[in-house]
Amino acid sequence: MAGSSHGHGHTPAAWTGVIIAFIGFCVAGAFMVMAQPVGFWAGMALTLLGGVVGGIMRAMGLGQPKQTAAVARASASPEPAAAGR
């Protein structure tokens, strides 16, 4: 699968959203260990912000384009023809 050309998640929108969410997760974890609720919730807000930023970037065209059902069927590998027909 690593060599496939589908590119699921390999877009600027996906990378940016995941990086922001990861930083928020680390911030929340650090403040949870330090028993600082305000810092924990700030980290959780940052984690949610990552999803919002990723969604906005995808809406701006920096994510993977949506495929319709017809395009998805057309791009699927065709079945081999039956022998003897």
C-alpha atoms as a PDB file:
ATOM      1  CA  MET A   1       0.000   0.000   0.000  1.00  0.00           C
ATOM      2  CA  ALA A   2       2.907   2.373   0.548  1.00  0.00           C
ATOM      3  CA  GLY A   3       3.435   2.584  -3.194  1.00  0.00           C
ATOM      4  CA  SER A   4      -0.176   3.346  -4.097  1.00  0.00           C
ATOM      5  CA  SER A   5      -0.986   6.645  -5.739  1.00  0.00           C
ATOM      6  CA  HIS A   6      -4.149   7.291  -3.722  1.00  0.00           C
ATOM      7  CA  GLY A   7      -2.377   9.533  -1.208  1.00  0.00           C
ATOM      8  CA  HIS A   8      -4.824   9.178   1.678  1.00  0.00           C
ATOM      9  CA  GLY A   9      -3.779  11.744   4.260  1.00  0.00           C
ATOM     10  CA  HIS A  10      -0.672  12.946   2.442  1.00  0.00           C
ATOM     11  CA  THR A  11      -1.907  16.508   1.976  1.00  0.00           C
ATOM     12  CA  PRO A  12      -0.987  19.847   3.530  1.00  0.00           C
ATOM     13  CA  ALA A  13      -4.383  19.958   5.264  1.00  0.00           C
ATOM     14  CA  ALA A  14      -3.896  16.547   6.853  1.00  0.00           C
ATOM     15  CA  TRP A  15      -0.307  17.184   7.928  1.00  0.00           C
ATOM     16  CA  THR A  16      -1.107  20.591   9.416  1.00  0.00           C
ATOM     17  CA  GLY A  17      -4.162  19.355  11.296  1.00  0.00           C
ATOM     18  CA  VAL A  18      -2.339  16.347  12.721  1.00  0.00           C
ATOM     19  CA  ILE A  19       0.721  18.351  13.759  1.00  0.00           C
ATOM     20  CA  ILE A  20      -1.409  20.957  15.585  1.00  0.00           C
ATOM     21  CA  ALA A  21      -3.463  18.228  17.255  1.00  0.00           C
ATOM     22  CA  PHE A  22      -0.308  16.351  18.296  1.00  0.00           C
ATOM     23  CA  ILE A  23       1.165  19.479  19.874  1.00  0.00           C
ATOM     24  CA  GLY A  24      -2.118  20.071  21.713  1.00  0.00           C
ATOM     25  CA  PHE A  25      -2.113  16.473  22.931  1.00  0.00           C
ATOM     26  CA  CYS A  26       1.443  16.855  24.247  1.00  0.00           C
ATOM     27  CA  VAL A  27       0.576  20.148  25.966  1.00  0.00           C
ATOM     28  CA  ALA A  28      -2.515  18.612  27.580  1.00  0.00           C
ATOM     29  CA  GLY A  29      -0.520  15.597  28.728  1.00  0.00           C
ATOM     30  CA  ALA A  30       2.228  17.718  30.257  1.00  0.00           C
ATOM     31  CA  PHE A  31      -0.209  19.921  32.140  1.00  0.00           C
ATOM     32  CA  MET A  32      -2.171  16.892  33.314  1.00  0.00           C
ATOM     33  CA  VAL A  33       0.997  15.472  34.880  1.00  0.00           C
ATOM     34  CA  MET A  34       1.690  18.869  36.493  1.00  0.00           C
ATOM     35  CA  ALA A  35      -1.901  18.923  37.850  1.00  0.00           C
ATOM     36  CA  GLN A  36      -2.710  22.232  36.129  1.00  0.00           C
ATOM     37  CA  PRO A  37      -6.311  22.010  34.840  1.00  0.00           C
ATOM     38  CA  VAL A  38      -6.198  25.310  32.943  1.00  0.00           C
ATOM     39  CA  GLY A  39      -3.159  24.182  30.927  1.00  0.00           C
ATOM     40  CA  PHE A  40      -4.755  20.800  30.320  1.00  0.00           C
ATOM     41  CA  TRP A  41      -7.903  22.360  28.870  1.00  0.00           C
ATOM     42  CA  ALA A  42      -5.812  24.774  26.800  1.00  0.00           C
ATOM     43  CA  GLY A  43      -4.052  21.743  25.309  1.00  0.00           C
ATOM     44  CA  MET A  44      -7.383  20.072  24.629  1.00  0.00           C
ATOM     45  CA  ALA A  45      -8.591  23.228  22.884  1.00  0.00           C
ATOM     46  CA  LEU A  46      -5.426  23.186  20.778  1.00  0.00           C
ATOM     47  CA  THR A  47      -6.112  19.551  19.897  1.00  0.00           C
ATOM     48  CA  LEU A  48      -9.599  20.450  18.661  1.00  0.00           C
ATOM     49  CA  LEU A  49      -8.176  23.449  16.823  1.00  0.00           C
ATOM     50  CA  GLY A  50      -6.040  21.045  14.786  1.00  0.00           C
ATOM     51  CA  GLY A  51      -9.174  19.379  13.453  1.00  0.00           C
ATOM     52  CA  VAL A  52     -10.787  22.722  12.667  1.00  0.00           C
ATOM     53  CA  VAL A  53      -7.687  24.019  10.866  1.00  0.00           C
ATOM     54  CA  GLY A  54      -7.400  20.781   8.864  1.00  0.00           C
ATOM     55  CA  GLY A  55     -11.065  21.021   7.864  1.00  0.00           C
ATOM     56  CA  ILE A  56     -10.727  24.649   6.813  1.00  0.00           C
ATOM     57  CA  MET A  57      -7.620  23.877   4.767  1.00  0.00           C
ATOM     58  CA  ARG A  58      -9.427  20.970   3.094  1.00  0.00           C
ATOM     59  CA  ALA A  59     -12.317  23.289   2.231  1.00  0.00           C
ATOM     60  CA  MET A  60      -9.782  25.696   0.720  1.00  0.00           C
ATOM     61  CA  GLY A  61      -8.613  22.942  -1.635  1.00  0.00           C
ATOM     62  CA  LEU A  62      -5.471  21.850   0.200  1.00  0.00           C
ATOM     63  CA  GLY A  63      -6.835  18.408   1.065  1.00  0.00           C
ATOM     64  CA  GLN A  64      -7.626  15.335  -0.936  1.00  0.00           C
ATOM     65  CA  PRO A  65     -10.335  16.003  -3.516  1.00  0.00           C
ATOM     66  CA  LYS A  66     -13.649  14.263  -2.956  1.00  0.00           C
ATOM     67  CA  GLN A  67     -14.471  11.476  -5.384  1.00  0.00           C
ATOM     68  CA  THR A  68     -17.976  10.727  -6.575  1.00  0.00           C
ATOM     69  CA  ALA A  69     -19.226   7.159  -6.670  1.00  0.00           C
ATOM     70  CA  ALA A  70     -18.946   7.047 -10.473  1.00  0.00           C
ATOM     71  CA  VAL A  71     -15.329   8.195 -10.410  1.00  0.00           C
ATOM     72  CA  ALA A  72     -14.508   5.707  -7.643  1.00  0.00           C
ATOM     73  CA  ARG A  73     -15.990   2.845  -9.678  1.00  0.00           C
ATOM     74  CA  ALA A  74     -14.191   3.934 -12.845  1.00  0.00           C
ATOM     75  CA  SER A  75     -10.831   4.127 -11.062  1.00  0.00           C
ATOM     76  CA  ALA A  76     -11.188   0.669  -9.497  1.00  0.00           C
ATOM     77  CA  SER A  77      -9.197  -2.053 -11.187  1.00  0.00           C
ATOM     78  CA  PRO A  78     -11.351  -3.904 -13.707  1.00  0.00           C
ATOM     79  CA  GLU A  79     -12.006  -7.603 -13.252  1.00  0.00           C
ATOM     80  CA  PRO A  80     -10.208  -9.862 -15.718  1.00  0.00           C
ATOM     81  CA  ALA A  81     -12.316 -11.044 -18.620  1.00  0.00           C
ATOM     82  CA  ALA A  82     -13.722 -14.551 -18.275  1.00  0.00           C
ATOM     83  CA  ALA A  83     -11.795 -17.108 -20.316  1.00  0.00           C
ATOM     84  CA  GLY A  84     -13.637 -18.847 -23.136  1.00  0.00           C
ATOM     85  CA  ARG A  85     -16.090 -16.051 -23.993  1.00  0.00           C
END
